Amino acid sequence: MNSLEEQLRKLFPEHTPSEEPQKNVENQEIWLQDAPLVCKYEKRKGKPITIIENYTGADKDFKQLTKELKQLLNVGGSYKNEQIIIQGDYRDKIMVFLKEKGFSVKRVGG
């Protein structure tokens, strides 16, 4: 049996494969702001949530941050009205994560 590389060489004889692996899109730099992000705790419908707000950068950066936080904590969450809403009380872990990213964070409430 022919390997996949051999089959591709037969299909595309003039192609030379590049040796550099493609860069991962998830490792893009997120714009860091001077003003601190606000990390607060609320209860909605009796369930705890953590809200992160006051980001002044691009929406796509904040959405990327939402995705990374949800993966880090293995919880649900969303990005709405310029706020990241994470299910559960994860203020401490979120604040450590954001500080490692280079953000300044301000804790509000409890």
PDB file of N, CA and C in Angstrom:
ATOM      1  N   MET A   1       0.829  -1.189   0.000  1.00  0.00           N
ATOM      2  CA  MET A   1       0.000   0.000   0.000  1.00  0.00           C
ATOM      3  C   MET A   1       0.869   1.247   0.000  1.00  0.00           C
ATOM      4  N   ASN A   2       0.416   2.229  -0.714  1.00  0.00           N
ATOM      5  CA  ASN A   2       1.122   3.503  -0.755  1.00  0.00           C
ATOM      6  C   ASN A   2       0.747   4.346   0.457  1.00  0.00           C
ATOM      7  N   SER A   3       1.727   5.079   0.935  1.00  0.00           N
ATOM      8  CA  SER A   3       1.437   5.972   2.045  1.00  0.00           C
ATOM      9  C   SER A   3       0.722   7.209   1.509  1.00  0.00           C
ATOM     10  N   LEU A   4       0.160   7.950   2.398  1.00  0.00           N
ATOM     11  CA  LEU A   4      -0.571   9.158   2.035  1.00  0.00           C
ATOM     12  C   LEU A   4       0.349  10.164   1.346  1.00  0.00           C
ATOM     13  N   GLU A   5       1.587  10.278   1.835  1.00  0.00           N
ATOM     14  CA  GLU A   5       2.543  11.201   1.219  1.00  0.00           C
ATOM     15  C   GLU A   5       2.821  10.820  -0.228  1.00  0.00           C
ATOM     16  N   GLU A   6       3.000   9.532  -0.487  1.00  0.00           N
ATOM     17  CA  GLU A   6       3.271   9.074  -1.851  1.00  0.00           C
ATOM     18  C   GLU A   6       2.088   9.353  -2.757  1.00  0.00           C
ATOM     19  N   GLN A   7       0.884   9.130  -2.259  1.00  0.00           N
ATOM     20  CA  GLN A   7      -0.314   9.399  -3.047  1.00  0.00           C
ATOM     21  C   GLN A   7      -0.428  10.886  -3.373  1.00  0.00           C
ATOM     22  N   LEU A   8      -0.113  11.722  -2.403  1.00  0.00           N
ATOM     23  CA  LEU A   8      -0.182  13.167  -2.634  1.00  0.00           C
ATOM     24  C   LEU A   8       0.887  13.618  -3.633  1.00  0.00           C
ATOM     25  N   ARG A   9       2.076  13.015  -3.566  1.00  0.00           N
ATOM     26  CA  ARG A   9       3.127  13.358  -4.530  1.00  0.00           C
ATOM     27  C   ARG A   9       2.695  13.024  -5.952  1.00  0.00           C
ATOM     28  N   LYS A  10       1.981  11.897  -6.121  1.00  0.00           N
ATOM     29  CA  LYS A  10       1.507  11.514  -7.450  1.00  0.00           C
ATOM     30  C   LYS A  10       0.439  12.495  -7.946  1.00  0.00           C
ATOM     31  N   LEU A  11      -0.417  12.951  -7.038  1.00  0.00           N
ATOM     32  CA  LEU A  11      -1.477  13.882  -7.423  1.00  0.00           C
ATOM     33  C   LEU A  11      -0.937  15.287  -7.700  1.00  0.00           C
ATOM     34  N   PHE A  12       0.062  15.700  -6.923  1.00  0.00           N
ATOM     35  CA  PHE A  12       0.613  17.046  -7.044  1.00  0.00           C
ATOM     36  C   PHE A  12       2.139  16.969  -7.180  1.00  0.00           C
ATOM     37  N   PRO A  13       2.633  16.593  -8.354  1.00  0.00           N
ATOM     38  CA  PRO A  13       4.080  16.376  -8.501  1.00  0.00           C
ATOM     39  C   PRO A  13       4.912  17.647  -8.344  1.00  0.00           C
ATOM     40  N   GLU A  14       4.387  18.814  -8.703  1.00  0.00           N
ATOM     41  CA  GLU A  14       5.189  20.036  -8.618  1.00  0.00           C
ATOM     42  C   GLU A  14       5.181  20.650  -7.226  1.00  0.00           C
ATOM     43  N   HIS A  15       4.371  20.144  -6.311  1.00  0.00           N
ATOM     44  CA  HIS A  15       4.293  20.700  -4.957  1.00  0.00           C
ATOM     45  C   HIS A  15       5.479  20.242  -4.110  1.00  0.00           C
ATOM     46  N   THR A  16       6.084  21.196  -3.396  1.00  0.00           N
ATOM     47  CA  THR A  16       7.136  20.844  -2.444  1.00  0.00           C
ATOM     48  C   THR A  16       6.617  21.155  -1.046  1.00  0.00           C
ATOM     49  N   PRO A  17       6.538  20.164  -0.180  1.00  0.00           N
ATOM     50  CA  PRO A  17       5.995  20.408   1.160  1.00  0.00           C
ATOM     51  C   PRO A  17       6.925  21.302   1.977  1.00  0.00           C
ATOM     52  N   SER A  18       6.332  22.188   2.743  1.00  0.00           N
ATOM     53  CA  SER A  18       7.139  23.073   3.589  1.00  0.00           C
ATOM     54  C   SER A  18       7.479  22.352   4.880  1.00  0.00           C
ATOM     55  N   GLU A  19       8.644  22.670   5.402  1.00  0.00           N
ATOM     56  CA  GLU A  19       9.111  22.028   6.622  1.00  0.00           C
ATOM     57  C   GLU A  19       8.567  22.696   7.877  1.00  0.00           C
ATOM     58  N   GLU A  20       8.119  23.967   7.759  1.00  0.00           N
ATOM     59  CA  GLU A  20       7.635  24.695   8.922  1.00  0.00           C
ATOM     60  C   GLU A  20       6.205  24.294   9.250  1.00  0.00           C
ATOM     61  N   PRO A  21       5.956  23.900  10.480  1.00  0.00           N
ATOM     62  CA  PRO A  21       4.566  23.629  10.853  1.00  0.00           C
ATOM     63  C   PRO A  21       3.797  24.942  10.921  1.00  0.00           C
ATOM     64  N   GLN A  22       2.516  24.870  10.618  1.00  0.00           N
ATOM     65  CA  GLN A  22       1.698  26.076  10.660  1.00  0.00           C
ATOM     66  C   GLN A  22       1.491  26.505  12.094  1.00  0.00           C
ATOM     67  N   LYS A  23       1.454  27.815  12.305  1.00  0.00           N
ATOM     68  CA  LYS A  23       1.271  28.349  13.646  1.00  0.00           C
ATOM     69  C   LYS A  23      -0.157  28.146  14.095  1.00  0.00           C
ATOM     70  N   ASN A  24      -0.311  27.859  15.370  1.00  0.00           N
ATOM     71  CA  ASN A  24      -1.635  27.660  15.943  1.00  0.00           C
ATOM     72  C   ASN A  24      -2.339  29.006  16.071  1.00  0.00           C
ATOM     73  N   VAL A  25      -3.558  29.099  15.577  1.00  0.00           N
ATOM     74  CA  VAL A  25      -4.309  30.347  15.593  1.00  0.00           C
ATOM     75  C   VAL A  25      -4.676  30.750  17.018  1.00  0.00           C
ATOM     76  N   GLU A  26      -4.811  29.804  17.932  1.00  0.00           N
ATOM     77  CA  GLU A  26      -5.252  30.104  19.289  1.00  0.00           C
ATOM     78  C   GLU A  26      -4.203  30.879  20.087  1.00  0.00           C
ATOM     79  N   ASN A  27      -2.948  30.860  19.649  1.00  0.00           N
ATOM     80  CA  ASN A  27      -1.900  31.541  20.400  1.00  0.00           C
ATOM     81  C   ASN A  27      -1.732  32.997  19.983  1.00  0.00           C
ATOM     82  N   GLN A  28      -2.775  33.599  19.429  1.00  0.00           N
ATOM     83  CA  GLN A  28      -2.704  34.997  19.050  1.00  0.00           C
ATOM     84  C   GLN A  28      -2.617  35.853  20.303  1.00  0.00           C
ATOM     85  N   GLU A  29      -1.940  36.989  20.149  1.00  0.00           N
ATOM     86  CA  GLU A  29      -1.828  37.922  21.261  1.00  0.00           C
ATOM     87  C   GLU A  29      -3.150  38.654  21.445  1.00  0.00           C
ATOM     88  N   ILE A  30      -3.571  38.780  22.678  1.00  0.00           N
ATOM     89  CA  ILE A  30      -4.775  39.519  23.010  1.00  0.00           C
ATOM     90  C   ILE A  30      -4.345  40.887  23.502  1.00  0.00           C
ATOM     91  N   TRP A  31      -5.031  41.921  23.042  1.00  0.00           N
ATOM     92  CA  TRP A  31      -4.684  43.288  23.409  1.00  0.00           C
ATOM     93  C   TRP A  31      -4.877  43.474  24.908  1.00  0.00           C
ATOM     94  N   LEU A  32      -3.842  44.015  25.573  1.00  0.00           N
ATOM     95  CA  LEU A  32      -3.897  44.265  27.005  1.00  0.00           C
ATOM     96  C   LEU A  32      -4.180  45.739  27.234  1.00  0.00           C
ATOM     97  N   GLN A  33      -5.075  46.013  28.134  1.00  0.00           N
ATOM     98  CA  GLN A  33      -5.457  47.396  28.406  1.00  0.00           C
ATOM     99  C   GLN A  33      -4.845  47.881  29.701  1.00  0.00           C
ATOM    100  N   ASP A  34      -4.864  49.200  29.890  1.00  0.00           N
ATOM    101  CA  ASP A  34      -4.321  49.782  31.114  1.00  0.00           C
ATOM    102  C   ASP A  34      -5.296  49.670  32.280  1.00  0.00           C
ATOM    103  N   ALA A  35      -6.571  49.917  32.033  1.00  0.00           N
ATOM    104  CA  ALA A  35      -7.594  49.852  33.085  1.00  0.00           C
ATOM    105  C   ALA A  35      -7.814  48.396  33.493  1.00  0.00           C
ATOM    106  N   PRO A  36      -8.063  48.139  34.785  1.00  0.00           N
ATOM    107  CA  PRO A  36      -8.239  46.746  35.218  1.00  0.00           C
ATOM    108  C   PRO A  36      -9.573  46.159  34.756  1.00  0.00           C
ATOM    109  N   LEU A  37      -9.557  44.852  34.504  1.00  0.00           N
ATOM    110  CA  LEU A  37     -10.804  44.125  34.251  1.00  0.00           C
ATOM    111  C   LEU A  37     -11.511  43.955  35.588  1.00  0.00           C
ATOM    112  N   VAL A  38     -12.824  43.965  35.578  1.00  0.00           N
ATOM    113  CA  VAL A  38     -13.602  43.777  36.804  1.00  0.00           C
ATOM    114  C   VAL A  38     -14.106  42.344  36.826  1.00  0.00           C
ATOM    115  N   CYS A  39     -13.801  41.633  37.911  1.00  0.00           N
ATOM    116  CA  CYS A  39     -14.222  40.250  38.083  1.00  0.00           C
ATOM    117  C   CYS A  39     -15.179  40.214  39.267  1.00  0.00           C
ATOM    118  N   LYS A  40     -16.446  39.916  39.004  1.00  0.00           N
ATOM    119  CA  LYS A  40     -17.413  39.930  40.097  1.00  0.00           C
ATOM    120  C   LYS A  40     -18.268  38.678  40.104  1.00  0.00           C
ATOM    121  N   TYR A  41     -18.892  38.471  41.247  1.00  0.00           N
ATOM    122  CA  TYR A  41     -19.702  37.287  41.503  1.00  0.00           C
ATOM    123  C   TYR A  41     -21.150  37.712  41.671  1.00  0.00           C
ATOM    124  N   GLU A  42     -22.056  36.967  41.053  1.00  0.00           N
ATOM    125  CA  GLU A  42     -23.489  37.225  41.200  1.00  0.00           C
ATOM    126  C   GLU A  42     -24.217  35.893  41.268  1.00  0.00           C
ATOM    127  N   LYS A  43     -25.462  35.974  41.684  1.00  0.00           N
ATOM    128  CA  LYS A  43     -26.351  34.819  41.596  1.00  0.00           C
ATOM    129  C   LYS A  43     -27.508  35.209  40.706  1.00  0.00           C
ATOM    130  N   ARG A  44     -27.768  34.381  39.731  1.00  0.00           N
ATOM    131  CA  ARG A  44     -28.907  34.590  38.838  1.00  0.00           C
ATOM    132  C   ARG A  44     -29.748  33.331  38.864  1.00  0.00           C
ATOM    133  N   LYS A  45     -30.998  33.518  39.179  1.00  0.00           N
ATOM    134  CA  LYS A  45     -31.934  32.388  39.303  1.00  0.00           C
ATOM    135  C   LYS A  45     -31.395  31.351  40.287  1.00  0.00           C
ATOM    136  N   GLY A  46     -30.737  31.823  41.327  1.00  0.00           N
ATOM    137  CA  GLY A  46     -30.235  30.944  42.374  1.00  0.00           C
ATOM    138  C   GLY A  46     -28.926  30.248  42.055  1.00  0.00           C
ATOM    139  N   LYS A  47     -28.367  30.505  40.877  1.00  0.00           N
ATOM    140  CA  LYS A  47     -27.127  29.837  40.487  1.00  0.00           C
ATOM    141  C   LYS A  47     -25.983  30.846  40.455  1.00  0.00           C
ATOM    142  N   PRO A  48     -24.794  30.436  40.937  1.00  0.00           N
ATOM    143  CA  PRO A  48     -23.657  31.361  40.962  1.00  0.00           C
ATOM    144  C   PRO A  48     -23.050  31.550  39.569  1.00  0.00           C
ATOM    145  N   ILE A  49     -22.661  32.786  39.269  1.00  0.00           N
ATOM    146  CA  ILE A  49     -21.941  33.071  38.028  1.00  0.00           C
ATOM    147  C   ILE A  49     -20.819  34.064  38.325  1.00  0.00           C
ATOM    148  N   THR A  50     -19.795  34.019  37.507  1.00  0.00           N
ATOM    149  CA  THR A  50     -18.692  34.969  37.584  1.00  0.00           C
ATOM    150  C   THR A  50     -18.755  35.824  36.328  1.00  0.00           C
ATOM    151  N   ILE A  51     -18.671  37.140  36.521  1.00  0.00           N
ATOM    152  CA  ILE A  51     -18.760  38.075  35.395  1.00  0.00           C
ATOM    153  C   ILE A  51     -17.451  38.843  35.277  1.00  0.00           C
ATOM    154  N   ILE A  52     -16.935  38.933  34.062  1.00  0.00           N
ATOM    155  CA  ILE A  52     -15.741  39.716  33.784  1.00  0.00           C
ATOM    156  C   ILE A  52     -16.153  40.814  32.814  1.00  0.00           C
ATOM    157  N   GLU A  53     -15.842  42.067  33.154  1.00  0.00           N
ATOM    158  CA  GLU A  53     -16.251  43.172  32.300  1.00  0.00           C
ATOM    159  C   GLU A  53     -15.208  44.282  32.303  1.00  0.00           C
ATOM    160  N   ASN A  54     -15.495  45.346  31.581  1.00  0.00           N
ATOM    161  CA  ASN A  54     -14.635  46.532  31.421  1.00  0.00           C
ATOM    162  C   ASN A  54     -13.471  46.293  30.465  1.00  0.00           C
ATOM    163  N   TYR A  55     -13.616  45.403  29.499  1.00  0.00           N
ATOM    164  CA  TYR A  55     -12.579  45.216  28.483  1.00  0.00           C
ATOM    165  C   TYR A  55     -12.818  46.221  27.367  1.00  0.00           C
ATOM    166  N   THR A  56     -11.775  46.933  26.976  1.00  0.00           N
ATOM    167  CA  THR A  56     -11.936  47.972  25.963  1.00  0.00           C
ATOM    168  C   THR A  56     -11.334  47.591  24.613  1.00  0.00           C
ATOM    169  N   GLY A  57     -10.876  46.373  24.473  1.00  0.00           N
ATOM    170  CA  GLY A  57     -10.279  45.924  23.213  1.00  0.00           C
ATOM    171  C   GLY A  57     -11.330  45.438  22.232  1.00  0.00           C
ATOM    172  N   ALA A  58     -10.878  44.717  21.221  1.00  0.00           N
ATOM    173  CA  ALA A  58     -11.764  44.206  20.179  1.00  0.00           C
ATOM    174  C   ALA A  58     -12.639  43.070  20.711  1.00  0.00           C
ATOM    175  N   ASP A  59     -13.838  42.960  20.160  1.00  0.00           N
ATOM    176  CA  ASP A  59     -14.758  41.898  20.568  1.00  0.00           C
ATOM    177  C   ASP A  59     -14.163  40.516  20.325  1.00  0.00           C
ATOM    178  N   LYS A  60     -13.455  40.353  19.207  1.00  0.00           N
ATOM    179  CA  LYS A  60     -12.906  39.016  18.904  1.00  0.00           C
ATOM    180  C   LYS A  60     -11.873  38.589  19.940  1.00  0.00           C
ATOM    181  N   ASP A  61     -11.120  39.555  20.494  1.00  0.00           N
ATOM    182  CA  ASP A  61     -10.163  39.220  21.551  1.00  0.00           C
ATOM    183  C   ASP A  61     -10.882  38.767  22.813  1.00  0.00           C
ATOM    184  N   PHE A  62     -11.969  39.463  23.151  1.00  0.00           N
ATOM    185  CA  PHE A  62     -12.725  39.115  24.351  1.00  0.00           C
ATOM    186  C   PHE A  62     -13.406  37.760  24.160  1.00  0.00           C
ATOM    187  N   LYS A  63     -13.870  37.472  22.955  1.00  0.00           N
ATOM    188  CA  LYS A  63     -14.477  36.160  22.674  1.00  0.00           C
ATOM    189  C   LYS A  63     -13.429  35.055  22.777  1.00  0.00           C
ATOM    190  N   GLN A  64     -12.201  35.330  22.314  1.00  0.00           N
ATOM    191  CA  GLN A  64     -11.108  34.361  22.434  1.00  0.00           C
ATOM    192  C   GLN A  64     -10.790  34.098  23.900  1.00  0.00           C
ATOM    193  N   LEU A  65     -10.801  35.161  24.700  1.00  0.00           N
ATOM    194  CA  LEU A  65     -10.562  35.033  26.133  1.00  0.00           C
ATOM    195  C   LEU A  65     -11.666  34.189  26.780  1.00  0.00           C
ATOM    196  N   THR A  66     -12.904  34.395  26.346  1.00  0.00           N
ATOM    197  CA  THR A  66     -14.038  33.598  26.843  1.00  0.00           C
ATOM    198  C   THR A  66     -13.807  32.119  26.565  1.00  0.00           C
ATOM    199  N   LYS A  67     -13.394  31.820  25.354  1.00  0.00           N
ATOM    200  CA  LYS A  67     -13.155  30.428  24.959  1.00  0.00           C
ATOM    201  C   LYS A  67     -12.057  29.798  25.815  1.00  0.00           C
ATOM    202  N   GLU A  68     -10.962  30.549  26.017  1.00  0.00           N
ATOM    203  CA  GLU A  68      -9.852  30.020  26.810  1.00  0.00           C
ATOM    204  C   GLU A  68     -10.267  29.779  28.259  1.00  0.00           C
ATOM    205  N   LEU A  69     -11.049  30.684  28.829  1.00  0.00           N
ATOM    206  CA  LEU A  69     -11.509  30.513  30.215  1.00  0.00           C
ATOM    207  C   LEU A  69     -12.415  29.299  30.346  1.00  0.00           C
ATOM    208  N   LYS A  70     -13.328  29.129  29.410  1.00  0.00           N
ATOM    209  CA  LYS A  70     -14.244  27.982  29.475  1.00  0.00           C
ATOM    210  C   LYS A  70     -13.477  26.671  29.373  1.00  0.00           C
ATOM    211  N   GLN A  71     -12.457  26.630  28.520  1.00  0.00           N
ATOM    212  CA  GLN A  71     -11.651  25.416  28.386  1.00  0.00           C
ATOM    213  C   GLN A  71     -10.808  25.171  29.632  1.00  0.00           C
ATOM    214  N   LEU A  72     -10.256  26.229  30.199  1.00  0.00           N
ATOM    215  CA  LEU A  72      -9.437  26.106  31.403  1.00  0.00           C
ATOM    216  C   LEU A  72     -10.246  25.542  32.567  1.00  0.00           C
ATOM    217  N   LEU A  73     -11.455  26.054  32.743  1.00  0.00           N
ATOM    218  CA  LEU A  73     -12.279  25.687  33.889  1.00  0.00           C
ATOM    219  C   LEU A  73     -13.226  24.518  33.625  1.00  0.00           C
ATOM    220  N   ASN A  74     -13.339  24.114  32.369  1.00  0.00           N
ATOM    221  CA  ASN A  74     -14.275  23.043  31.983  1.00  0.00           C
ATOM    222  C   ASN A  74     -15.698  23.349  32.424  1.00  0.00           C
ATOM    223  N   VAL A  75     -16.120  24.568  32.152  1.00  0.00           N
ATOM    224  CA  VAL A  75     -17.479  24.980  32.496  1.00  0.00           C
ATOM    225  C   VAL A  75     -18.089  25.708  31.310  1.00  0.00           C
ATOM    226  N   GLY A  76     -19.390  25.945  31.414  1.00  0.00           N
ATOM    227  CA  GLY A  76     -20.088  26.695  30.385  1.00  0.00           C
ATOM    228  C   GLY A  76     -19.952  28.180  30.639  1.00  0.00           C
ATOM    229  N   GLY A  77     -20.269  28.929  29.631  1.00  0.00           N
ATOM    230  CA  GLY A  77     -20.225  30.372  29.760  1.00  0.00           C
ATOM    231  C   GLY A  77     -20.556  31.009  28.433  1.00  0.00           C
ATOM    232  N   SER A  78     -20.580  32.338  28.415  1.00  0.00           N
ATOM    233  CA  SER A  78     -20.897  33.037  27.178  1.00  0.00           C
ATOM    234  C   SER A  78     -20.317  34.434  27.194  1.00  0.00           C
ATOM    235  N   TYR A  79     -20.391  35.068  26.037  1.00  0.00           N
ATOM    236  CA  TYR A  79     -19.970  36.454  25.887  1.00  0.00           C
ATOM    237  C   TYR A  79     -21.194  37.234  25.424  1.00  0.00           C
ATOM    238  N   LYS A  80     -21.678  38.139  26.247  1.00  0.00           N
ATOM    239  CA  LYS A  80     -22.857  38.940  25.911  1.00  0.00           C
ATOM    240  C   LYS A  80     -22.675  40.345  26.450  1.00  0.00           C
ATOM    241  N   ASN A  81     -23.140  41.334  25.714  1.00  0.00           N
ATOM    242  CA  ASN A  81     -23.165  42.725  26.163  1.00  0.00           C
ATOM    243  C   ASN A  81     -21.826  43.170  26.743  1.00  0.00           C
ATOM    244  N   GLU A  82     -20.749  42.823  26.063  1.00  0.00           N
ATOM    245  CA  GLU A  82     -19.393  43.171  26.476  1.00  0.00           C
ATOM    246  C   GLU A  82     -19.038  42.643  27.867  1.00  0.00           C
ATOM    247  N   GLN A  83     -19.569  41.467  28.206  1.00  0.00           N
ATOM    248  CA  GLN A  83     -19.266  40.794  29.466  1.00  0.00           C
ATOM    249  C   GLN A  83     -18.995  39.323  29.175  1.00  0.00           C
ATOM    250  N   ILE A  84     -18.056  38.758  29.925  1.00  0.00           N
ATOM    251  CA  ILE A  84     -17.881  37.303  29.912  1.00  0.00           C
ATOM    252  C   ILE A  84     -18.632  36.777  31.117  1.00  0.00           C
ATOM    253  N   ILE A  85     -19.525  35.808  30.879  1.00  0.00           N
ATOM    254  CA  ILE A  85     -20.299  35.206  31.959  1.00  0.00           C
ATOM    255  C   ILE A  85     -19.883  33.748  32.048  1.00  0.00           C
ATOM    256  N   ILE A  86     -19.314  33.358  33.195  1.00  0.00           N
ATOM    257  CA  ILE A  86     -18.861  31.985  33.432  1.00  0.00           C
ATOM    258  C   ILE A  86     -19.752  31.370  34.498  1.00  0.00           C
ATOM    259  N   GLN A  87     -20.215  30.146  34.251  1.00  0.00           N
ATOM    260  CA  GLN A  87     -21.080  29.468  35.212  1.00  0.00           C
ATOM    261  C   GLN A  87     -20.254  29.005  36.402  1.00  0.00           C
ATOM    262  N   GLY A  88     -20.662  29.429  37.602  1.00  0.00           N
ATOM    263  CA  GLY A  88     -19.969  29.032  38.829  1.00  0.00           C
ATOM    264  C   GLY A  88     -19.122  30.162  39.385  1.00  0.00           C
ATOM    265  N   ASP A  89     -18.665  29.985  40.624  1.00  0.00           N
ATOM    266  CA  ASP A  89     -17.832  30.987  41.284  1.00  0.00           C
ATOM    267  C   ASP A  89     -16.368  30.589  41.127  1.00  0.00           C
ATOM    268  N   TYR A  90     -15.714  31.135  40.106  1.00  0.00           N
ATOM    269  CA  TYR A  90     -14.317  30.820  39.806  1.00  0.00           C
ATOM    270  C   TYR A  90     -13.459  32.079  39.837  1.00  0.00           C
ATOM    271  N   ARG A  91     -13.816  33.047  40.671  1.00  0.00           N
ATOM    272  CA  ARG A  91     -13.096  34.319  40.675  1.00  0.00           C
ATOM    273  C   ARG A  91     -11.600  34.147  40.906  1.00  0.00           C
ATOM    274  N   ASP A  92     -11.226  33.334  41.873  1.00  0.00           N
ATOM    275  CA  ASP A  92      -9.796  33.179  42.192  1.00  0.00           C
ATOM    276  C   ASP A  92      -9.020  32.606  41.012  1.00  0.00           C
ATOM    277  N   LYS A  93      -9.519  31.524  40.419  1.00  0.00           N
ATOM    278  CA  LYS A  93      -8.827  30.894  39.293  1.00  0.00           C
ATOM    279  C   LYS A  93      -8.781  31.821  38.084  1.00  0.00           C
ATOM    280  N   ILE A  94      -9.880  32.525  37.836  1.00  0.00           N
ATOM    281  CA  ILE A  94      -9.940  33.444  36.698  1.00  0.00           C
ATOM    282  C   ILE A  94      -8.952  34.588  36.886  1.00  0.00           C
ATOM    283  N   MET A  95      -8.888  35.118  38.107  1.00  0.00           N
ATOM    284  CA  MET A  95      -7.982  36.231  38.363  1.00  0.00           C
ATOM    285  C   MET A  95      -6.520  35.810  38.184  1.00  0.00           C
ATOM    286  N   VAL A  96      -6.169  34.620  38.619  1.00  0.00           N
ATOM    287  CA  VAL A  96      -4.805  34.112  38.437  1.00  0.00           C
ATOM    288  C   VAL A  96      -4.510  33.961  36.942  1.00  0.00           C
ATOM    289  N   PHE A  97      -5.460  33.386  36.203  1.00  0.00           N
ATOM    290  CA  PHE A  97      -5.292  33.193  34.755  1.00  0.00           C
ATOM    291  C   PHE A  97      -5.097  34.530  34.038  1.00  0.00           C
ATOM    292  N   LEU A  98      -5.938  35.507  34.368  1.00  0.00           N
ATOM    293  CA  LEU A  98      -5.852  36.812  33.709  1.00  0.00           C
ATOM    294  C   LEU A  98      -4.558  37.536  34.058  1.00  0.00           C
ATOM    295  N   LYS A  99      -4.097  37.397  35.306  1.00  0.00           N
ATOM    296  CA  LYS A  99      -2.834  38.027  35.692  1.00  0.00           C
ATOM    297  C   LYS A  99      -1.656  37.386  34.950  1.00  0.00           C
ATOM    298  N   GLU A 100      -1.712  36.063  34.751  1.00  0.00           N
ATOM    299  CA  GLU A 100      -0.663  35.383  33.984  1.00  0.00           C
ATOM    300  C   GLU A 100      -0.645  35.864  32.541  1.00  0.00           C
ATOM    301  N   LYS A 101      -1.817  36.221  32.010  1.00  0.00           N
ATOM    302  CA  LYS A 101      -1.930  36.746  30.647  1.00  0.00           C
ATOM    303  C   LYS A 101      -1.407  38.178  30.554  1.00  0.00           C
ATOM    304  N   GLY A 102      -1.299  38.850  31.703  1.00  0.00           N
ATOM    305  CA  GLY A 102      -0.788  40.210  31.699  1.00  0.00           C
ATOM    306  C   GLY A 102      -1.826  41.285  32.004  1.00  0.00           C
ATOM    307  N   PHE A 103      -3.048  40.872  32.294  1.00  0.00           N
ATOM    308  CA  PHE A 103      -4.102  41.832  32.625  1.00  0.00           C
ATOM    309  C   PHE A 103      -3.991  42.265  34.080  1.00  0.00           C
ATOM    310  N   SER A 104      -4.464  43.470  34.365  1.00  0.00           N
ATOM    311  CA  SER A 104      -4.652  43.834  35.765  1.00  0.00           C
ATOM    312  C   SER A 104      -6.122  43.559  36.063  1.00  0.00           C
ATOM    313  N   VAL A 105      -6.395  42.993  37.229  1.00  0.00           N
ATOM    314  CA  VAL A 105      -7.749  42.543  37.566  1.00  0.00           C
ATOM    315  C   VAL A 105      -8.158  43.130  38.901  1.00  0.00           C
ATOM    316  N   LYS A 106      -9.407  43.537  38.967  1.00  0.00           N
ATOM    317  CA  LYS A 106      -9.966  44.104  40.203  1.00  0.00           C
ATOM    318  C   LYS A 106     -11.143  43.214  40.620  1.00  0.00           C
ATOM    319  N   ARG A 107     -11.103  42.758  41.869  1.00  0.00           N
ATOM    320  CA  ARG A 107     -12.173  41.916  42.384  1.00  0.00           C
ATOM    321  C   ARG A 107     -13.258  42.786  42.992  1.00  0.00           C
ATOM    322  N   VAL A 108     -14.493  42.527  42.619  1.00  0.00           N
ATOM    323  CA  VAL A 108     -15.626  43.304  43.125  1.00  0.00           C
ATOM    324  C   VAL A 108     -16.581  42.360  43.839  1.00  0.00           C
ATOM    325  N   GLY A 109     -17.019  42.730  45.026  1.00  0.00           N
ATOM    326  CA  GLY A 109     -17.968  41.900  45.767  1.00  0.00           C
ATOM    327  C   GLY A 109     -17.262  40.801  46.528  1.00  0.00           C
ATOM    328  N   GLY A 110     -17.959  40.244  47.505  1.00  0.00           N
ATOM    329  CA  GLY A 110     -17.543  39.166  48.377  1.00  0.00           C
ATOM    330  C   GLY A 110     -16.188  38.689  48.387  1.00  0.00           C
TER     331      GLY A 110
END
